[in-house]
Amino acid sequence: MQKLLCRPKSAALPVISVGNLTVGGSGKSPLIEALASRYEDVAVVLRGYGRKSEGLQVVSEWGKILCDVECSGDEAMMLAIALPKATVIVSEDRLAGIDKAKELGAKVVFLDDAFRQCIEKFDILIDPKPINPLCLPSGPYRLPRLFLRSADLVLREGRDFWRNVWIENPTPKMVLVTAIANPKRLERYVDPAIPRYYFADHHPFERQEIEKIIQREKPTSLLVTAKDAVKLRKFGYPLSILRLKIEVAPEVMEKVDSYIRNYDAKEDPNRPDAP
């Protein structure tokens, strides 16, 4: 349905979008990391929520970090660090971001949360299937669930991908400090005795508010996600990091691979592997 509402613009290279129809965290960024890490000459283009910059910014070029987290936004910096062989770009104009990625030598581009963008792409939607099926403001959906039908691939956690979570650098007295969309998702991985401080998604941490937590709790480290860590490292406090890796079903990987192969073959029918 979505693809019938506009005439998609060709990006002249394979583009894979990973998104969802709901508000809140569903695992888009770690899923992009898991998929994009498998390819050479790959770029990731994000809008850059929460950043203090505007326009197009190259966050990393083939692993070399080119700006700070205030310029990039937390998710883009997290991906730039997690994908040391990739290029990461933030841009409100996704086509401009794709064009820049091509200019820098990218052969495959992943887009974060670009389902409604009128671009020729392979659309992956994560379906958390919440109990409430209604749209905002009565429910969590930004678009009705029937839009799932227009995705090229619909993924569900526990069926198509799985989360592996562990604590890197645990210490005796940790305090959880996080600014992610759905912090209660972390509770299954955190000891109930650990104090918790939840901030709004993409919250720009200030030293003063972190110092208040340190003075109140006197922890041996702050327990944070990788998304939080890129903003909190500058304060110099010891960090314990909730690491998250996504395991993706082989059949999902094959469908993405197939799209890229078929796209490349379409562009160059003389390739040896062209169908």
Protein backbone atom coordinates (compact mmCIF):
# COMPACT_ATOMS: atom_id res chain seq x y z
CA MET A 1 0.00 0.00 0.00
CA GLN A 2 2.72 2.44 0.98
CA LYS A 3 4.50 1.94 -2.34
CA LEU A 4 1.33 2.80 -4.26
CA LEU A 5 1.11 6.25 -2.69
CA CYS A 6 4.13 7.63 -4.54
CA ARG A 7 6.55 6.86 -7.33
CA PRO A 8 9.75 5.76 -5.57
CA LYS A 9 12.94 7.53 -6.60
CA SER A 10 15.79 5.28 -7.66
CA ALA A 11 18.96 5.51 -5.59
CA ALA A 12 20.98 3.62 -8.25
CA LEU A 13 22.28 1.16 -5.66
CA PRO A 14 20.64 -1.36 -3.31
CA VAL A 15 19.01 0.34 -0.31
CA ILE A 16 17.61 -1.54 2.70
CA SER A 17 15.38 0.29 5.17
CA VAL A 18 14.86 -1.03 8.71
CA GLY A 19 11.93 0.49 10.57
CA ASN A 20 8.74 -0.11 12.49
CA LEU A 21 5.21 1.28 12.73
CA THR A 22 5.26 1.92 16.47
CA VAL A 23 6.80 4.51 18.77
CA GLY A 24 9.46 3.34 21.18
CA GLY A 25 12.43 1.05 20.83
CA SER A 26 12.05 -2.14 18.84
CA GLY A 27 15.69 -2.97 18.08
CA LYS A 28 16.16 -1.14 14.78
CA SER A 29 19.71 0.06 15.42
CA PRO A 30 21.16 -3.26 16.64
CA LEU A 31 19.38 -5.01 13.75
CA ILE A 32 20.96 -2.58 11.28
CA GLU A 33 24.33 -3.25 12.92
CA ALA A 34 23.85 -7.02 12.56
CA LEU A 35 22.85 -6.76 8.90
CA ALA A 36 25.26 -4.05 7.76
CA SER A 37 28.30 -5.67 9.39
CA ARG A 38 28.11 -8.47 6.82
CA TYR A 39 28.87 -6.29 3.80
CA GLU A 40 31.85 -4.47 2.35
CA ASP A 41 31.52 -0.88 1.10
CA VAL A 42 28.39 -0.33 3.20
CA ALA A 43 26.93 2.91 4.51
CA VAL A 44 24.22 3.67 7.04
CA VAL A 45 22.09 6.81 6.69
CA LEU A 46 20.05 8.09 9.64
CA ARG A 47 18.07 11.21 10.36
CA GLY A 48 20.15 11.81 13.48
CA TYR A 49 17.52 12.28 16.21
CA GLY A 50 18.65 14.39 19.15
CA ARG A 51 21.68 15.93 17.41
CA LYS A 52 22.54 19.59 17.71
CA SER A 53 23.60 19.92 14.07
CA GLU A 54 21.48 20.38 10.95
CA GLY A 55 21.76 19.23 7.39
CA LEU A 56 24.01 16.46 6.13
CA GLN A 57 26.92 15.38 8.33
CA VAL A 58 29.38 12.56 7.70
CA VAL A 59 29.77 10.93 11.10
CA SER A 60 32.33 8.34 10.04
CA GLU A 61 34.07 7.57 6.76
CA TRP A 62 35.11 3.92 6.54
CA GLY A 63 35.58 3.78 10.28
CA LYS A 64 37.24 7.14 10.87
CA ILE A 65 35.08 9.21 13.24
CA LEU A 66 34.71 12.74 11.83
CA CYS A 67 32.49 14.51 14.37
CA ASP A 68 31.35 14.36 18.00
CA VAL A 69 28.14 12.94 19.43
CA GLU A 70 26.50 16.38 19.69
CA CYS A 71 26.86 16.67 15.91
CA SER A 72 25.88 13.08 15.09
CA GLY A 73 23.24 12.12 17.65
CA ASP A 74 23.57 9.10 19.93
CA GLU A 75 22.34 6.33 17.61
CA ALA A 76 24.51 7.43 14.70
CA MET A 77 27.62 7.57 16.89
CA MET A 78 26.79 4.19 18.39
CA LEU A 79 26.60 2.68 14.88
CA ALA A 80 29.76 4.48 13.77
CA ILE A 81 31.68 2.86 16.63
CA ALA A 82 30.01 -0.55 16.16
CA LEU A 83 30.69 -0.61 12.38
CA PRO A 84 34.41 0.24 12.04
CA LYS A 85 34.49 -0.62 8.32
CA ALA A 86 31.37 1.35 7.34
CA THR A 87 30.43 4.94 6.59
CA VAL A 88 27.72 6.55 8.73
CA ILE A 89 25.86 9.68 7.60
CA VAL A 90 23.11 11.74 9.22
CA SER A 91 20.75 13.73 7.04
CA GLU A 92 17.11 14.80 7.22
CA ASP A 93 17.10 14.37 3.43
CA ARG A 94 17.66 10.64 3.01
CA LEU A 95 18.30 10.86 -0.75
CA ALA A 96 21.00 13.46 -0.12
CA GLY A 97 22.52 11.08 2.42
CA ILE A 98 22.43 8.22 -0.07
CA ASP A 99 24.04 10.39 -2.76
CA LYS A 100 26.83 11.30 -0.33
CA ALA A 101 27.32 7.64 0.53
CA LYS A 102 27.68 6.83 -3.18
CA GLU A 103 30.14 9.69 -3.58
CA LEU A 104 32.25 8.18 -0.80
CA GLY A 105 32.22 4.76 -2.46
CA ALA A 106 29.34 2.89 -0.82
CA LYS A 107 27.87 -0.02 -2.78
CA VAL A 108 25.04 -0.81 -0.32
CA VAL A 109 23.10 1.58 1.94
CA PHE A 110 21.02 0.84 5.02
CA LEU A 111 18.43 3.41 6.11
CA ASP A 112 17.16 3.79 9.65
CA ASP A 113 13.38 4.21 9.99
CA ALA A 114 12.69 5.29 6.40
CA PHE A 115 9.55 3.28 5.61
CA ARG A 116 7.59 6.39 4.59
CA GLN A 117 10.42 7.76 2.44
CA CYS A 118 9.59 7.65 -1.28
CA ILE A 119 12.78 5.86 -2.27
CA GLU A 120 13.24 2.59 -4.17
CA LYS A 121 14.29 0.22 -1.39
CA PHE A 122 13.82 -3.10 0.35
CA ASP A 123 11.56 -2.38 3.34
CA ILE A 124 12.05 -4.34 6.55
CA LEU A 125 9.57 -3.65 9.34
CA ILE A 126 9.91 -4.94 12.89
CA ASP A 127 6.53 -5.93 14.29
CA PRO A 128 6.56 -5.99 18.11
CA LYS A 129 2.83 -6.84 18.00
CA PRO A 130 1.82 -4.92 21.14
CA ILE A 131 -1.46 -5.69 22.88
CA ASN A 132 -2.94 -2.32 21.92
CA PRO A 133 -3.38 -2.22 18.09
CA LEU A 134 -4.54 1.42 17.94
CA CYS A 135 -2.74 4.44 16.46
CA LEU A 136 -1.55 7.49 18.36
CA PRO A 137 -2.73 8.97 20.68
CA SER A 138 -4.79 5.95 21.79
CA GLY A 139 -2.13 3.37 21.02
CA PRO A 140 1.52 2.95 20.03
CA TYR A 141 1.14 2.85 16.24
CA ARG A 142 2.27 5.71 13.99
CA LEU A 143 0.52 4.01 11.06
CA PRO A 144 -2.22 1.34 11.05
CA ARG A 145 -1.05 -2.28 11.17
CA LEU A 146 -2.40 -2.87 7.66
CA PHE A 147 0.69 -1.01 6.38
CA LEU A 148 2.70 -4.09 7.37
CA ARG A 149 1.36 -5.67 4.18
CA SER A 150 3.40 -3.30 2.04
CA ALA A 151 6.72 -4.21 3.66
CA ASP A 152 9.05 -6.54 1.81
CA LEU A 153 9.88 -8.35 5.03
CA VAL A 154 8.18 -8.29 8.47
CA LEU A 155 10.31 -9.47 11.39
CA ARG A 156 9.34 -10.52 14.89
CA GLU A 157 11.63 -10.94 17.85
CA GLY A 158 11.81 -14.57 18.96
CA ARG A 159 10.98 -15.79 15.46
CA ASP A 160 13.27 -13.92 13.09
CA PHE A 161 15.85 -12.45 15.45
CA TRP A 162 17.01 -12.83 19.03
CA ARG A 163 18.74 -10.55 21.55
CA ASN A 164 21.96 -11.55 23.29
CA VAL A 165 22.65 -9.23 26.23
CA TRP A 166 25.53 -9.18 28.69
CA ILE A 167 27.22 -6.68 30.99
CA GLU A 168 30.69 -5.56 29.98
CA ASN A 169 32.87 -4.49 32.92
CA PRO A 170 30.43 -5.27 35.77
CA THR A 171 31.32 -3.80 39.18
CA PRO A 172 30.07 -4.49 42.73
CA LYS A 173 27.75 -1.47 43.02
CA MET A 174 26.22 -0.37 39.75
CA VAL A 175 23.43 2.13 39.11
CA LEU A 176 21.43 2.00 35.88
CA VAL A 177 21.33 5.30 33.99
CA THR A 178 19.71 5.26 30.57
CA ALA A 179 17.96 7.42 27.98
CA ILE A 180 16.38 4.97 25.56
CA ALA A 181 12.85 4.73 24.21
CA ASN A 182 11.74 1.68 26.19
CA PRO A 183 13.90 1.38 29.32
CA LYS A 184 11.67 -1.25 30.93
CA ARG A 185 12.95 -3.63 28.24
CA LEU A 186 16.25 -3.68 30.17
CA GLU A 187 14.72 -4.89 33.42
CA ARG A 188 14.95 -8.57 32.52
CA TYR A 189 18.75 -8.20 32.28
CA VAL A 190 19.33 -6.09 35.40
CA ASP A 191 19.38 -7.18 39.05
CA PRO A 192 16.23 -5.76 40.72
CA ALA A 193 18.41 -4.38 43.53
CA ILE A 194 20.24 -2.02 41.16
CA PRO A 195 18.89 1.56 41.38
CA ARG A 196 17.47 2.90 38.09
CA TYR A 197 17.39 6.38 36.60
CA TYR A 198 15.37 6.71 33.40
CA PHE A 199 15.60 9.76 31.12
CA ALA A 200 13.69 10.63 27.93
CA ASP A 201 14.90 9.03 24.70
CA HIS A 202 17.96 10.84 23.25
CA HIS A 203 18.29 12.92 26.43
CA PRO A 204 21.49 15.06 26.33
CA PHE A 205 23.08 14.22 29.68
CA GLU A 206 24.50 17.09 31.73
CA ARG A 207 27.39 16.65 34.16
CA GLN A 208 25.39 18.16 37.02
CA GLU A 209 22.57 15.63 36.84
CA ILE A 210 25.02 12.72 36.65
CA GLU A 211 26.99 14.08 39.61
CA LYS A 212 23.78 14.19 41.65
CA ILE A 213 23.24 10.49 40.97
CA ILE A 214 26.87 9.74 41.87
CA GLN A 215 26.58 11.65 45.15
CA ARG A 216 23.27 10.01 46.05
CA GLU A 217 24.11 6.39 45.14
CA LYS A 218 27.93 6.34 45.43
CA PRO A 219 28.20 3.59 42.78
CA THR A 220 31.35 1.88 41.61
CA SER A 221 30.13 2.35 38.02
CA LEU A 222 27.21 3.56 35.91
CA LEU A 223 25.36 0.76 34.12
CA VAL A 224 24.41 2.08 30.68
CA THR A 225 23.55 0.95 27.17
CA ALA A 226 25.94 1.48 24.25
CA LYS A 227 23.65 4.29 23.11
CA ASP A 228 24.07 6.03 26.48
CA ALA A 229 27.80 5.36 26.65
CA VAL A 230 28.61 7.54 23.64
CA LYS A 231 27.21 10.55 25.56
CA LEU A 232 28.46 9.66 29.05
CA ARG A 233 32.10 8.79 28.38
CA LYS A 234 33.10 12.46 28.35
CA PHE A 235 32.32 12.79 32.06
CA GLY A 236 35.00 10.27 32.99
CA TYR A 237 32.97 8.07 35.33
CA PRO A 238 33.50 4.27 35.23
CA LEU A 239 30.97 2.65 32.90
CA SER A 240 29.53 -0.84 32.84
CA ILE A 241 27.86 -1.39 29.48
CA LEU A 242 24.82 -3.49 28.68
CA ARG A 243 26.01 -4.94 25.39
CA LEU A 244 23.38 -6.07 22.89
CA LYS A 245 23.99 -8.22 19.85
CA ILE A 246 21.23 -9.37 17.55
CA GLU A 247 21.25 -12.90 16.17
CA VAL A 248 19.37 -12.95 12.87
CA ALA A 249 17.78 -16.04 11.35
CA PRO A 250 19.69 -17.33 8.28
CA GLU A 251 16.60 -17.08 6.07
CA VAL A 252 16.36 -13.34 6.84
CA MET A 253 20.00 -12.85 5.88
CA GLU A 254 19.40 -14.76 2.66
CA LYS A 255 16.44 -12.56 1.69
CA VAL A 256 18.53 -9.41 2.14
CA ASP A 257 21.43 -11.00 0.24
CA SER A 258 19.06 -12.00 -2.54
CA TYR A 259 17.73 -8.46 -2.89
CA ILE A 260 21.25 -7.07 -3.18
CA ARG A 261 22.33 -9.75 -5.67
CA ASN A 262 19.25 -9.25 -7.84
CA TYR A 263 19.61 -5.47 -7.75
CA ASP A 264 23.25 -5.65 -8.80
CA ALA A 265 22.42 -8.15 -11.53
CA LYS A 266 19.65 -5.89 -12.83
CA GLU A 267 22.06 -2.96 -13.01
CA ASP A 268 24.76 -5.09 -14.68
CA PRO A 269 23.22 -8.00 -16.60
CA ASN A 270 26.70 -9.05 -17.81
CA ARG A 271 27.83 -9.96 -14.30
CA PRO A 272 28.76 -13.68 -14.03
CA ASP A 273 26.19 -14.21 -11.28
CA ALA A 274 23.34 -12.38 -13.06
CA PRO A 275 20.17 -14.50 -13.26
